[in-house]
């Protein structure tokens, strides 16, 4: 019954359904991403997969689906080869310079060496 009501509302009053879905989707998302999530949710309402009453609660599922589809926040591996080459990201990292103590240290400073503190 609720499914038929959602589909009929979408067919006869799409502007209201668009406003409901648009309010549910966070405006903090980038515009292109927000528009795709809204379109996915509107299609789900029209197909009967999403009820209007559950739009707010299921919004996170559609954002997660978008991220999985387009790998928006994909974590890259340092060992994976870069596109079209044998070069890896880890090969581009530079080793940090070794620590070299300064000669003009303050006498009141406490230096920790080997787990022991030495007062000068």
PDB file of N, CA and C in Angstrom:
ATOM      1  N   UNK A   1       0.823  -1.201   0.000  1.00  0.00           N
ATOM      2  CA  UNK A   1       0.000   0.000   0.000  1.00  0.00           C
ATOM      3  C   UNK A   1       0.865   1.261   0.000  1.00  0.00           C
ATOM      4  N   UNK A   2       1.867   1.286   0.904  1.00  0.00           N
ATOM      5  CA  UNK A   2       2.742   2.456   0.961  1.00  0.00           C
ATOM      6  C   UNK A   2       3.577   2.597  -0.310  1.00  0.00           C
ATOM      7  N   UNK A   3       3.941   1.472  -0.894  1.00  0.00           N
ATOM      8  CA  UNK A   3       4.716   1.486  -2.132  1.00  0.00           C
ATOM      9  C   UNK A   3       3.903   2.129  -3.256  1.00  0.00           C
ATOM     10  N   UNK A   4       2.647   1.751  -3.376  1.00  0.00           N
ATOM     11  CA  UNK A   4       1.777   2.323  -4.407  1.00  0.00           C
ATOM     12  C   UNK A   4       1.572   3.811  -4.173  1.00  0.00           C
ATOM     13  N   UNK A   5       1.449   4.193  -2.910  1.00  0.00           N
ATOM     14  CA  UNK A   5       1.266   5.608  -2.575  1.00  0.00           C
ATOM     15  C   UNK A   5       2.505   6.416  -2.987  1.00  0.00           C
ATOM     16  N   UNK A   6       3.715   5.881  -2.731  1.00  0.00           N
ATOM     17  CA  UNK A   6       4.951   6.571  -3.101  1.00  0.00           C
ATOM     18  C   UNK A   6       5.075   6.706  -4.611  1.00  0.00           C
ATOM     19  N   UNK A   7       4.753   5.634  -5.331  1.00  0.00           N
ATOM     20  CA  UNK A   7       4.848   5.664  -6.796  1.00  0.00           C
ATOM     21  C   UNK A   7       3.835   6.640  -7.377  1.00  0.00           C
ATOM     22  N   UNK A   8       2.606   6.635  -6.866  1.00  0.00           N
ATOM     23  CA  UNK A   8       1.578   7.567  -7.356  1.00  0.00           C
ATOM     24  C   UNK A   8       1.961   9.014  -7.067  1.00  0.00           C
ATOM     25  N   UNK A   9       2.506   9.265  -5.903  1.00  0.00           N
ATOM     26  CA  UNK A   9       2.933  10.620  -5.570  1.00  0.00           C
ATOM     27  C   UNK A   9       4.037  11.069  -6.514  1.00  0.00           C
ATOM     28  N   UNK A  10       4.940  10.172  -6.839  1.00  0.00           N
ATOM     29  CA  UNK A  10       6.033  10.499  -7.753  1.00  0.00           C
ATOM     30  C   UNK A  10       5.502  10.805  -9.145  1.00  0.00           C
ATOM     31  N   UNK A  11       4.515  10.068  -9.571  1.00  0.00           N
ATOM     32  CA  UNK A  11       3.954  10.263 -10.919  1.00  0.00           C
ATOM     33  C   UNK A  11       3.092  11.520 -11.015  1.00  0.00           C
ATOM     34  N   UNK A  12       2.344  11.830  -9.959  1.00  0.00           N
ATOM     35  CA  UNK A  12       1.390  12.935 -10.032  1.00  0.00           C
ATOM     36  C   UNK A  12       1.901  14.241  -9.436  1.00  0.00           C
ATOM     37  N   UNK A  13       2.858  14.175  -8.535  1.00  0.00           N
ATOM     38  CA  UNK A  13       3.383  15.395  -7.905  1.00  0.00           C
ATOM     39  C   UNK A  13       4.903  15.268  -7.715  1.00  0.00           C
ATOM     40  N   UNK A  14       5.647  15.228  -8.815  1.00  0.00           N
ATOM     41  CA  UNK A  14       7.099  15.014  -8.711  1.00  0.00           C
ATOM     42  C   UNK A  14       7.832  16.159  -8.014  1.00  0.00           C
ATOM     43  N   UNK A  15       7.312  17.366  -8.082  1.00  0.00           N
ATOM     44  CA  UNK A  15       7.983  18.494  -7.430  1.00  0.00           C
ATOM     45  C   UNK A  15       8.031  18.321  -5.911  1.00  0.00           C
ATOM     46  N   UNK A  16       6.957  17.838  -5.343  1.00  0.00           N
ATOM     47  CA  UNK A  16       6.915  17.612  -3.900  1.00  0.00           C
ATOM     48  C   UNK A  16       7.890  16.510  -3.508  1.00  0.00           C
ATOM     49  N   UNK A  17       7.925  15.445  -4.290  1.00  0.00           N
ATOM     50  CA  UNK A  17       8.847  14.345  -3.999  1.00  0.00           C
ATOM     51  C   UNK A  17      10.281  14.839  -4.117  1.00  0.00           C
ATOM     52  N   UNK A  18      10.572  15.652  -5.139  1.00  0.00           N
ATOM     53  CA  UNK A  18      11.921  16.195  -5.302  1.00  0.00           C
ATOM     54  C   UNK A  18      12.317  17.036  -4.088  1.00  0.00           C
ATOM     55  N   UNK A  19      11.395  17.858  -3.599  1.00  0.00           N
ATOM     56  CA  UNK A  19      11.693  18.690  -2.424  1.00  0.00           C
ATOM     57  C   UNK A  19      11.965  17.834  -1.186  1.00  0.00           C
ATOM     58  N   UNK A  20      11.192  16.770  -1.001  1.00  0.00           N
ATOM     59  CA  UNK A  20      11.387  15.881   0.152  1.00  0.00           C
ATOM     60  C   UNK A  20      12.768  15.226   0.076  1.00  0.00           C
ATOM     61  N   UNK A  21      13.117  14.712  -1.086  1.00  0.00           N
ATOM     62  CA  UNK A  21      14.414  14.047  -1.258  1.00  0.00           C
ATOM     63  C   UNK A  21      15.550  15.050  -1.145  1.00  0.00           C
ATOM     64  N   UNK A  22      15.381  16.214  -1.737  1.00  0.00           N
ATOM     65  CA  UNK A  22      16.424  17.244  -1.703  1.00  0.00           C
ATOM     66  C   UNK A  22      16.705  17.709  -0.282  1.00  0.00           C
ATOM     67  N   UNK A  23      15.681  17.822   0.531  1.00  0.00           N
ATOM     68  CA  UNK A  23      15.882  18.219   1.937  1.00  0.00           C
ATOM     69  C   UNK A  23      16.586  17.136   2.739  1.00  0.00           C
ATOM     70  N   UNK A  24      16.386  15.875   2.349  1.00  0.00           N
ATOM     71  CA  UNK A  24      16.996  14.765   3.075  1.00  0.00           C
ATOM     72  C   UNK A  24      18.490  14.638   2.780  1.00  0.00           C
ATOM     73  N   UNK A  25      18.900  15.010   1.569  1.00  0.00           N
ATOM     74  CA  UNK A  25      20.307  14.876   1.177  1.00  0.00           C
ATOM     75  C   UNK A  25      21.078  16.096   1.663  1.00  0.00           C
ATOM     76  N   UNK A  26      22.191  15.855   2.293  1.00  0.00           N
ATOM     77  CA  UNK A  26      22.994  16.922   2.892  1.00  0.00           C
ATOM     78  C   UNK A  26      23.489  17.923   1.844  1.00  0.00           C
ATOM     79  N   UNK A  27      23.377  19.188   2.159  1.00  0.00           N
ATOM     80  CA  UNK A  27      23.875  20.225   1.253  1.00  0.00           C
ATOM     81  C   UNK A  27      25.381  20.418   1.401  1.00  0.00           C
ATOM     82  N   UNK A  28      26.000  19.696   2.330  1.00  0.00           N
ATOM     83  CA  UNK A  28      27.454  19.770   2.496  1.00  0.00           C
ATOM     84  C   UNK A  28      28.177  18.963   1.418  1.00  0.00           C
ATOM     85  N   UNK A  29      27.459  18.080   0.732  1.00  0.00           N
ATOM     86  CA  UNK A  29      28.065  17.305  -0.351  1.00  0.00           C
ATOM     87  C   UNK A  29      28.352  18.219  -1.536  1.00  0.00           C
ATOM     88  N   UNK A  30      29.374  17.896  -2.328  1.00  0.00           N
ATOM     89  CA  UNK A  30      29.602  18.681  -3.549  1.00  0.00           C
ATOM     90  C   UNK A  30      28.382  18.594  -4.464  1.00  0.00           C
ATOM     91  N   UNK A  31      28.154  19.643  -5.226  1.00  0.00           N
ATOM     92  CA  UNK A  31      26.940  19.748  -6.048  1.00  0.00           C
ATOM     93  C   UNK A  31      26.747  18.547  -6.980  1.00  0.00           C
ATOM     94  N   UNK A  32      27.826  18.127  -7.678  1.00  0.00           N
ATOM     95  CA  UNK A  32      27.708  17.020  -8.623  1.00  0.00           C
ATOM     96  C   UNK A  32      27.344  15.722  -7.905  1.00  0.00           C
ATOM     97  N   UNK A  33      27.879  15.528  -6.722  1.00  0.00           N
ATOM     98  CA  UNK A  33      27.605  14.312  -5.952  1.00  0.00           C
ATOM     99  C   UNK A  33      26.182  14.341  -5.403  1.00  0.00           C
ATOM    100  N   UNK A  34      25.784  15.478  -4.900  1.00  0.00           N
ATOM    101  CA  UNK A  34      24.441  15.637  -4.343  1.00  0.00           C
ATOM    102  C   UNK A  34      23.377  15.390  -5.410  1.00  0.00           C
ATOM    103  N   UNK A  35      23.596  15.921  -6.606  1.00  0.00           N
ATOM    104  CA  UNK A  35      22.636  15.730  -7.691  1.00  0.00           C
ATOM    105  C   UNK A  35      22.503  14.258  -8.075  1.00  0.00           C
ATOM    106  N   UNK A  36      23.613  13.534  -8.111  1.00  0.00           N
ATOM    107  CA  UNK A  36      23.559  12.105  -8.440  1.00  0.00           C
ATOM    108  C   UNK A  36      22.840  11.303  -7.364  1.00  0.00           C
ATOM    109  N   UNK A  37      23.074  11.635  -6.105  1.00  0.00           N
ATOM    110  CA  UNK A  37      22.403  10.926  -5.006  1.00  0.00           C
ATOM    111  C   UNK A  37      20.905  11.202  -5.057  1.00  0.00           C
ATOM    112  N   UNK A  38      20.528  12.446  -5.300  1.00  0.00           N
ATOM    113  CA  UNK A  38      19.097  12.796  -5.405  1.00  0.00           C
ATOM    114  C   UNK A  38      18.458  12.032  -6.563  1.00  0.00           C
ATOM    115  N   UNK A  39      19.139  11.988  -7.702  1.00  0.00           N
ATOM    116  CA  UNK A  39      18.587  11.274  -8.861  1.00  0.00           C
ATOM    117  C   UNK A  39      18.417   9.787  -8.564  1.00  0.00           C
ATOM    118  N   UNK A  40      19.379   9.190  -7.876  1.00  0.00           N
ATOM    119  CA  UNK A  40      19.272   7.773  -7.520  1.00  0.00           C
ATOM    120  C   UNK A  40      18.091   7.524  -6.594  1.00  0.00           C
ATOM    121  N   UNK A  41      17.903   8.418  -5.642  1.00  0.00           N
ATOM    122  CA  UNK A  41      16.799   8.261  -4.704  1.00  0.00           C
ATOM    123  C   UNK A  41      15.451   8.460  -5.399  1.00  0.00           C
ATOM    124  N   UNK A  42      15.363   9.430  -6.321  1.00  0.00           N
ATOM    125  CA  UNK A  42      14.109   9.649  -7.058  1.00  0.00           C
ATOM    126  C   UNK A  42      13.776   8.433  -7.911  1.00  0.00           C
ATOM    127  N   UNK A  43      14.783   7.842  -8.541  1.00  0.00           N
ATOM    128  CA  UNK A  43      14.557   6.646  -9.343  1.00  0.00           C
ATOM    129  C   UNK A  43      14.086   5.485  -8.468  1.00  0.00           C
ATOM    130  N   UNK A  44      14.670   5.356  -7.293  1.00  0.00           N
ATOM    131  CA  UNK A  44      14.266   4.291  -6.373  1.00  0.00           C
ATOM    132  C   UNK A  44      12.818   4.482  -5.917  1.00  0.00           C
ATOM    133  N   UNK A  45      12.399   5.723  -5.701  1.00  0.00           N
ATOM    134  CA  UNK A  45      11.003   5.989  -5.325  1.00  0.00           C
ATOM    135  C   UNK A  45      10.083   5.608  -6.482  1.00  0.00           C
ATOM    136  N   UNK A  46      10.466   5.981  -7.696  1.00  0.00           N
ATOM    137  CA  UNK A  46       9.647   5.676  -8.867  1.00  0.00           C
ATOM    138  C   UNK A  46       9.554   4.175  -9.116  1.00  0.00           C
ATOM    139  N   UNK A  47      10.623   3.439  -8.841  1.00  0.00           N
ATOM    140  CA  UNK A  47      10.618   1.986  -9.022  1.00  0.00           C
ATOM    141  C   UNK A  47       9.949   1.255  -7.861  1.00  0.00           C
ATOM    142  N   UNK A  48       9.684   1.962  -6.774  1.00  0.00           N
ATOM    143  CA  UNK A  48       9.047   1.345  -5.628  1.00  0.00           C
ATOM    144  C   UNK A  48      10.027   0.715  -4.654  1.00  0.00           C
ATOM    145  N   UNK A  49      11.321   0.955  -4.830  1.00  0.00           N
ATOM    146  CA  UNK A  49      12.338   0.399  -3.935  1.00  0.00           C
ATOM    147  C   UNK A  49      12.527   1.245  -2.678  1.00  0.00           C
ATOM    148  N   UNK A  50      12.113   2.501  -2.738  1.00  0.00           N
ATOM    149  CA  UNK A  50      12.267   3.432  -1.612  1.00  0.00           C
ATOM    150  C   UNK A  50      10.935   4.106  -1.349  1.00  0.00           C
ATOM    151  N   UNK A  51      10.488   4.017  -0.122  1.00  0.00           N
ATOM    152  CA  UNK A  51       9.238   4.665   0.268  1.00  0.00           C
ATOM    153  C   UNK A  51       9.524   6.092   0.692  1.00  0.00           C
ATOM    154  N   UNK A  52       8.591   6.983   0.433  1.00  0.00           N
ATOM    155  CA  UNK A  52       8.771   8.397   0.804  1.00  0.00           C
ATOM    156  C   UNK A  52       8.977   8.560   2.300  1.00  0.00           C
ATOM    157  N   UNK A  53       8.363   7.702   3.085  1.00  0.00           N
ATOM    158  CA  UNK A  53       8.482   7.793   4.529  1.00  0.00           C
ATOM    159  C   UNK A  53       9.886   7.444   5.019  1.00  0.00           C
ATOM    160  N   UNK A  54      10.652   6.719   4.203  1.00  0.00           N
ATOM    161  CA  UNK A  54      11.988   6.266   4.600  1.00  0.00           C
ATOM    162  C   UNK A  54      13.118   7.035   3.923  1.00  0.00           C
ATOM    163  N   UNK A  55      12.808   8.108   3.230  1.00  0.00           N
ATOM    164  CA  UNK A  55      13.825   8.859   2.484  1.00  0.00           C
ATOM    165  C   UNK A  55      14.928   9.372   3.414  1.00  0.00           C
ATOM    166  N   UNK A  56      14.572   9.967   4.513  1.00  0.00           N
ATOM    167  CA  UNK A  56      15.571  10.514   5.438  1.00  0.00           C
ATOM    168  C   UNK A  56      16.445   9.444   6.065  1.00  0.00           C
ATOM    169  N   UNK A  57      15.844   8.319   6.401  1.00  0.00           N
ATOM    170  CA  UNK A  57      16.595   7.251   7.064  1.00  0.00           C
ATOM    171  C   UNK A  57      17.510   6.507   6.103  1.00  0.00           C
ATOM    172  N   UNK A  58      17.165   6.446   4.828  1.00  0.00           N
ATOM    173  CA  UNK A  58      17.946   5.686   3.857  1.00  0.00           C
ATOM    174  C   UNK A  58      18.911   6.542   3.048  1.00  0.00           C
ATOM    175  N   UNK A  59      18.966   7.838   3.302  1.00  0.00           N
ATOM    176  CA  UNK A  59      19.845   8.729   2.544  1.00  0.00           C
ATOM    177  C   UNK A  59      21.294   8.282   2.633  1.00  0.00           C
ATOM    178  N   UNK A  60      21.732   7.872   3.817  1.00  0.00           N
ATOM    179  CA  UNK A  60      23.122   7.460   4.011  1.00  0.00           C
ATOM    180  C   UNK A  60      23.466   6.253   3.127  1.00  0.00           C
ATOM    181  N   UNK A  61      22.511   5.350   2.931  1.00  0.00           N
ATOM    182  CA  UNK A  61      22.747   4.181   2.075  1.00  0.00           C
ATOM    183  C   UNK A  61      23.033   4.603   0.634  1.00  0.00           C
ATOM    184  N   UNK A  62      22.342   5.624   0.159  1.00  0.00           N
ATOM    185  CA  UNK A  62      22.535   6.070  -1.217  1.00  0.00           C
ATOM    186  C   UNK A  62      23.844   6.836  -1.379  1.00  0.00           C
ATOM    187  N   UNK A  63      24.259   7.572  -0.365  1.00  0.00           N
ATOM    188  CA  UNK A  63      25.567   8.249  -0.413  1.00  0.00           C
ATOM    189  C   UNK A  63      26.682   7.204  -0.393  1.00  0.00           C
ATOM    190  N   UNK A  64      26.523   6.179   0.437  1.00  0.00           N
ATOM    191  CA  UNK A  64      27.506   5.095   0.481  1.00  0.00           C
ATOM    192  C   UNK A  64      27.578   4.377  -0.860  1.00  0.00           C
ATOM    193  N   UNK A  65      26.431   4.147  -1.477  1.00  0.00           N
ATOM    194  CA  UNK A  65      26.393   3.515  -2.796  1.00  0.00           C
ATOM    195  C   UNK A  65      27.101   4.357  -3.844  1.00  0.00           C
ATOM    196  N   UNK A  66      26.920   5.666  -3.774  1.00  0.00           N
ATOM    197  CA  UNK A  66      27.603   6.563  -4.704  1.00  0.00           C
ATOM    198  C   UNK A  66      29.113   6.480  -4.502  1.00  0.00           C
ATOM    199  N   UNK A  67      29.557   6.511  -3.259  1.00  0.00           N
ATOM    200  CA  UNK A  67      30.997   6.439  -2.973  1.00  0.00           C
ATOM    201  C   UNK A  67      31.596   5.127  -3.458  1.00  0.00           C
ATOM    202  N   UNK A  68      30.872   4.041  -3.300  1.00  0.00           N
ATOM    203  CA  UNK A  68      31.374   2.747  -3.779  1.00  0.00           C
ATOM    204  C   UNK A  68      31.429   2.697  -5.298  1.00  0.00           C
ATOM    205  N   UNK A  69      30.444   3.283  -5.947  1.00  0.00           N
ATOM    206  CA  UNK A  69      30.386   3.239  -7.408  1.00  0.00           C
ATOM    207  C   UNK A  69      31.488   4.076  -8.045  1.00  0.00           C
ATOM    208  N   UNK A  70      31.750   5.240  -7.494  1.00  0.00           N
ATOM    209  CA  UNK A  70      32.718   6.150  -8.108  1.00  0.00           C
ATOM    210  C   UNK A  70      34.028   6.246  -7.340  1.00  0.00           C
ATOM    211  N   UNK A  71      34.207   5.453  -6.287  1.00  0.00           N
ATOM    212  CA  UNK A  71      35.441   5.445  -5.500  1.00  0.00           C
ATOM    213  C   UNK A  71      35.854   6.842  -5.072  1.00  0.00           C
ATOM    214  N   UNK A  72      34.906   7.612  -4.556  1.00  0.00           N
ATOM    215  CA  UNK A  72      35.179   8.992  -4.166  1.00  0.00           C
ATOM    216  C   UNK A  72      36.217   9.083  -3.062  1.00  0.00           C
ATOM    217  N   UNK A  73      36.130   8.218  -2.072  1.00  0.00           N
ATOM    218  CA  UNK A  73      37.041   8.285  -0.941  1.00  0.00           C
ATOM    219  C   UNK A  73      37.880   7.012  -0.848  1.00  0.00           C
ATOM    220  N   UNK A  74      38.305   6.505  -1.988  1.00  0.00           N
ATOM    221  CA  UNK A  74      39.073   5.268  -2.011  1.00  0.00           C
ATOM    222  C   UNK A  74      40.458   5.506  -1.426  1.00  0.00           C
ATOM    223  N   UNK A  75      40.891   4.572  -0.599  1.00  0.00           N
ATOM    224  CA  UNK A  75      42.229   4.634  -0.038  1.00  0.00           C
ATOM    225  C   UNK A  75      43.186   3.973  -1.018  1.00  0.00           C
ATOM    226  N   UNK A  76      44.224   4.672  -1.364  1.00  0.00           N
ATOM    227  CA  UNK A  76      45.185   4.146  -2.323  1.00  0.00           C
ATOM    228  C   UNK A  76      46.305   3.414  -1.610  1.00  0.00           C
ATOM    229  N   UNK A  77      46.738   2.320  -2.184  1.00  0.00           N
ATOM    230  CA  UNK A  77      47.840   1.557  -1.633  1.00  0.00           C
ATOM    231  C   UNK A  77      49.153   2.146  -2.118  1.00  0.00           C
ATOM    232  N   UNK A  78      50.140   2.232  -1.228  1.00  0.00           N
ATOM    233  CA  UNK A  78      51.455   2.725  -1.618  1.00  0.00           C
ATOM    234  C   UNK A  78      52.208   1.708  -2.466  1.00  0.00           C
ATOM    235  N   UNK A  79      51.829   0.433  -2.374  1.00  0.00           N
ATOM    236  CA  UNK A  79      52.511  -0.607  -3.133  1.00  0.00           C
ATOM    237  C   UNK A  79      51.890  -0.858  -4.501  1.00  0.00           C
ATOM    238  N   UNK A  80      50.723  -0.296  -4.767  1.00  0.00           N
ATOM    239  CA  UNK A  80      50.060  -0.518  -6.052  1.00  0.00           C
ATOM    240  C   UNK A  80      50.778   0.256  -7.150  1.00  0.00           C
ATOM    241  N   UNK A  81      50.926  -0.336  -8.339  1.00  0.00           N
ATOM    242  CA  UNK A  81      51.581   0.393  -9.431  1.00  0.00           C
ATOM    243  C   UNK A  81      50.705   1.549  -9.904  1.00  0.00           C
ATOM    244  N   UNK A  82      51.363   2.634 -10.291  1.00  0.00           N
ATOM    245  CA  UNK A  82      50.634   3.789 -10.807  1.00  0.00           C
ATOM    246  C   UNK A  82      50.230   3.495 -12.249  1.00  0.00           C
ATOM    247  N   UNK A  83      49.115   4.040 -12.673  1.00  0.00           N
ATOM    248  CA  UNK A  83      48.519   3.756 -13.973  1.00  0.00           C
ATOM    249  C   UNK A  83      49.487   3.747 -15.142  1.00  0.00           C
ATOM    250  N   UNK A  84      49.617   2.591 -15.788  1.00  0.00           N
ATOM    251  CA  UNK A  84      50.407   2.474 -17.004  1.00  0.00           C
ATOM    252  C   UNK A  84      51.909   2.407 -16.802  1.00  0.00           C
ATOM    253  N   UNK A  85      52.374   2.356 -15.566  1.00  0.00           N
ATOM    254  CA  UNK A  85      53.816   2.286 -15.317  1.00  0.00           C
ATOM    255  C   UNK A  85      54.107   1.197 -14.294  1.00  0.00           C
ATOM    256  N   UNK A  86      55.392   0.914 -14.128  1.00  0.00           N
ATOM    257  CA  UNK A  86      55.813  -0.011 -13.079  1.00  0.00           C
ATOM    258  C   UNK A  86      56.173   0.736 -11.808  1.00  0.00           C
ATOM    259  N   UNK A  87      56.055   2.047 -11.827  1.00  0.00           N
ATOM    260  CA  UNK A  87      56.411   2.889 -10.697  1.00  0.00           C
ATOM    261  C   UNK A  87      55.334   2.782  -9.623  1.00  0.00           C
ATOM    262  N   UNK A  88      55.773   2.650  -8.369  1.00  0.00           N
ATOM    263  CA  UNK A  88      54.841   2.587  -7.246  1.00  0.00           C
ATOM    264  C   UNK A  88      54.892   3.913  -6.490  1.00  0.00           C
ATOM    265  N   UNK A  89      53.811   4.217  -5.761  1.00  0.00           N
ATOM    266  CA  UNK A  89      53.763   5.473  -5.001  1.00  0.00           C
ATOM    267  C   UNK A  89      54.834   5.507  -3.919  1.00  0.00           C
ATOM    268  N   UNK A  90      55.141   4.361  -3.354  1.00  0.00           N
ATOM    269  CA  UNK A  90      56.133   4.316  -2.282  1.00  0.00           C
ATOM    270  C   UNK A  90      57.524   4.687  -2.807  1.00  0.00           C
ATOM    271  N   UNK A  91      57.757   4.483  -4.116  1.00  0.00           N
ATOM    272  CA  UNK A  91      59.039   4.846  -4.709  1.00  0.00           C
ATOM    273  C   UNK A  91      59.230   6.351  -4.765  1.00  0.00           C
ATOM    274  N   UNK A  92      58.143   7.104  -4.682  1.00  0.00           N
ATOM    275  CA  UNK A  92      58.217   8.562  -4.778  1.00  0.00           C
ATOM    276  C   UNK A  92      58.434   9.232  -3.424  1.00  0.00           C
ATOM    277  N   UNK A  93      58.311   8.473  -2.351  1.00  0.00           N
ATOM    278  CA  UNK A  93      58.484   9.041  -1.017  1.00  0.00           C
ATOM    279  C   UNK A  93      59.965   9.189  -0.702  1.00  0.00           C
ATOM    280  N   UNK A  94      60.276  10.232   0.007  1.00  0.00           N
ATOM    281  CA  UNK A  94      61.658  10.502   0.387  1.00  0.00           C
ATOM    282  C   UNK A  94      61.844  10.148   1.853  1.00  0.00           C
ATOM    283  N   UNK A  95      62.943   9.493   2.154  1.00  0.00           N
ATOM    284  CA  UNK A  95      63.225   9.141   3.543  1.00  0.00           C
ATOM    285  C   UNK A  95      63.499  10.418   4.329  1.00  0.00           C
ATOM    286  N   UNK A  96      63.022  10.493   5.562  1.00  0.00           N
ATOM    287  CA  UNK A  96      63.270  11.689   6.366  1.00  0.00           C
ATOM    288  C   UNK A  96      64.761  11.799   6.721  1.00  0.00           C
ATOM    289  N   UNK A  97      65.208  13.023   6.854  1.00  0.00           N
ATOM    290  CA  UNK A  97      66.604  13.267   7.224  1.00  0.00           C
ATOM    291  C   UNK A  97      66.820  12.838   8.672  1.00  0.00           C
ATOM    292  N   UNK A  98      67.955  12.253   8.989  1.00  0.00           N
ATOM    293  CA  UNK A  98      68.213  11.850  10.368  1.00  0.00           C
ATOM    294  C   UNK A  98      68.305  13.072  11.280  1.00  0.00           C
ATOM    295  N   UNK A  99      67.943  12.865  12.532  1.00  0.00           N
ATOM    296  CA  UNK A  99      67.974  13.955  13.494  1.00  0.00           C
ATOM    297  C   UNK A  99      69.411  14.307  13.834  1.00  0.00           C
ATOM    298  N   UNK A 100      69.718  15.581  13.745  1.00  0.00           N
ATOM    299  CA  UNK A 100      71.051  16.084  14.099  1.00  0.00           C
ATOM    300  C   UNK A 100      70.852  17.143  15.180  1.00  0.00           C
ATOM    301  N   UNK A 101      71.349  16.913  16.381  1.00  0.00           N
ATOM    302  CA  UNK A 101      71.168  17.905  17.450  1.00  0.00           C
ATOM    303  C   UNK A 101      71.929  19.193  17.129  1.00  0.00           C
ATOM    304  N   UNK A 102      71.351  20.284  17.572  1.00  0.00           N
ATOM    305  CA  UNK A 102      71.988  21.588  17.364  1.00  0.00           C
ATOM    306  C   UNK A 102      73.080  21.791  18.406  1.00  0.00           C
ATOM    307  N   UNK A 103      74.098  22.535  18.042  1.00  0.00           N
ATOM    308  CA  UNK A 103      75.213  22.781  18.954  1.00  0.00           C
ATOM    309  C   UNK A 103      74.880  23.818  20.015  1.00  0.00           C
ATOM    310  N   UNK A 104      73.967  24.705  19.732  1.00  0.00           N
ATOM    311  CA  UNK A 104      73.660  25.793  20.666  1.00  0.00           C
ATOM    312  C   UNK A 104      72.423  25.470  21.507  1.00  0.00           C
ATOM    313  N   UNK A 105      72.405  24.293  22.147  1.00  0.00           N
ATOM    314  CA  UNK A 105      71.274  23.915  22.976  1.00  0.00           C
ATOM    315  C   UNK A 105      71.265  24.717  24.262  1.00  0.00           C
ATOM    316  N   UNK A 106      70.087  24.984  24.745  1.00  0.00           N
ATOM    317  CA  UNK A 106      69.904  25.712  25.991  1.00  0.00           C
ATOM    318  C   UNK A 106      70.270  24.790  27.164  1.00  0.00           C
ATOM    319  N   UNK A 107      70.951  25.322  28.173  1.00  0.00           N
ATOM    320  CA  UNK A 107      71.380  24.515  29.312  1.00  0.00           C
ATOM    321  C   UNK A 107      70.209  24.013  30.146  1.00  0.00           C
ATOM    322  N   UNK A 108      69.071  24.679  30.075  1.00  0.00           N
ATOM    323  CA  UNK A 108      67.921  24.278  30.874  1.00  0.00           C
ATOM    324  C   UNK A 108      67.063  23.204  30.189  1.00  0.00           C
ATOM    325  N   UNK A 109      67.425  22.832  28.974  1.00  0.00           N
ATOM    326  CA  UNK A 109      66.643  21.838  28.226  1.00  0.00           C
ATOM    327  C   UNK A 109      66.927  20.439  28.752  1.00  0.00           C
ATOM    328  N   UNK A 110      65.930  19.595  28.720  1.00  0.00           N
ATOM    329  CA  UNK A 110      66.080  18.201  29.102  1.00  0.00           C
ATOM    330  C   UNK A 110      66.097  17.383  27.819  1.00  0.00           C
ATOM    331  N   UNK A 111      67.156  16.627  27.618  1.00  0.00           N
ATOM    332  CA  UNK A 111      67.249  15.769  26.437  1.00  0.00           C
ATOM    333  C   UNK A 111      66.958  14.337  26.866  1.00  0.00           C
ATOM    334  N   UNK A 112      66.122  13.700  26.136  1.00  0.00           N
ATOM    335  CA  UNK A 112      65.808  12.304  26.425  1.00  0.00           C
ATOM    336  C   UNK A 112      66.637  11.437  25.492  1.00  0.00           C
ATOM    337  N   UNK A 113      67.493  10.657  26.067  1.00  0.00           N
ATOM    338  CA  UNK A 113      68.324   9.767  25.263  1.00  0.00           C
ATOM    339  C   UNK A 113      68.213   8.366  25.853  1.00  0.00           C
ATOM    340  N   UNK A 114      67.741   7.433  25.055  1.00  0.00           N
ATOM    341  CA  UNK A 114      67.664   6.053  25.491  1.00  0.00           C
ATOM    342  C   UNK A 114      66.754   5.842  26.671  1.00  0.00           C
ATOM    343  N   UNK A 115      65.707   6.637  26.831  1.00  0.00           N
ATOM    344  CA  UNK A 115      64.773   6.475  27.923  1.00  0.00           C
ATOM    345  C   UNK A 115      65.219   7.116  29.215  1.00  0.00           C
ATOM    346  N   UNK A 116      66.366   7.803  29.233  1.00  0.00           N
ATOM    347  CA  UNK A 116      66.858   8.455  30.447  1.00  0.00           C
ATOM    348  C   UNK A 116      66.905   9.966  30.202  1.00  0.00           C
ATOM    349  N   UNK A 117      66.625  10.726  31.211  1.00  0.00           N
ATOM    350  CA  UNK A 117      66.739  12.172  31.077  1.00  0.00           C
ATOM    351  C   UNK A 117      68.055  12.618  31.713  1.00  0.00           C
ATOM    352  N   UNK A 118      68.749  13.453  30.990  1.00  0.00           N
ATOM    353  CA  UNK A 118      70.035  13.969  31.473  1.00  0.00           C
ATOM    354  C   UNK A 118      69.940  15.473  31.654  1.00  0.00           C
ATOM    355  N   UNK A 119      70.259  15.956  32.840  1.00  0.00           N
ATOM    356  CA  UNK A 119      70.245  17.386  33.095  1.00  0.00           C
ATOM    357  C   UNK A 119      71.616  17.941  32.797  1.00  0.00           C
ATOM    358  N   UNK A 120      71.667  19.071  32.160  1.00  0.00           N
ATOM    359  CA  UNK A 120      72.947  19.730  31.876  1.00  0.00           C
ATOM    360  C   UNK A 120      73.132  20.900  32.775  1.00  0.00           C
TER     361      UNK A 120
END
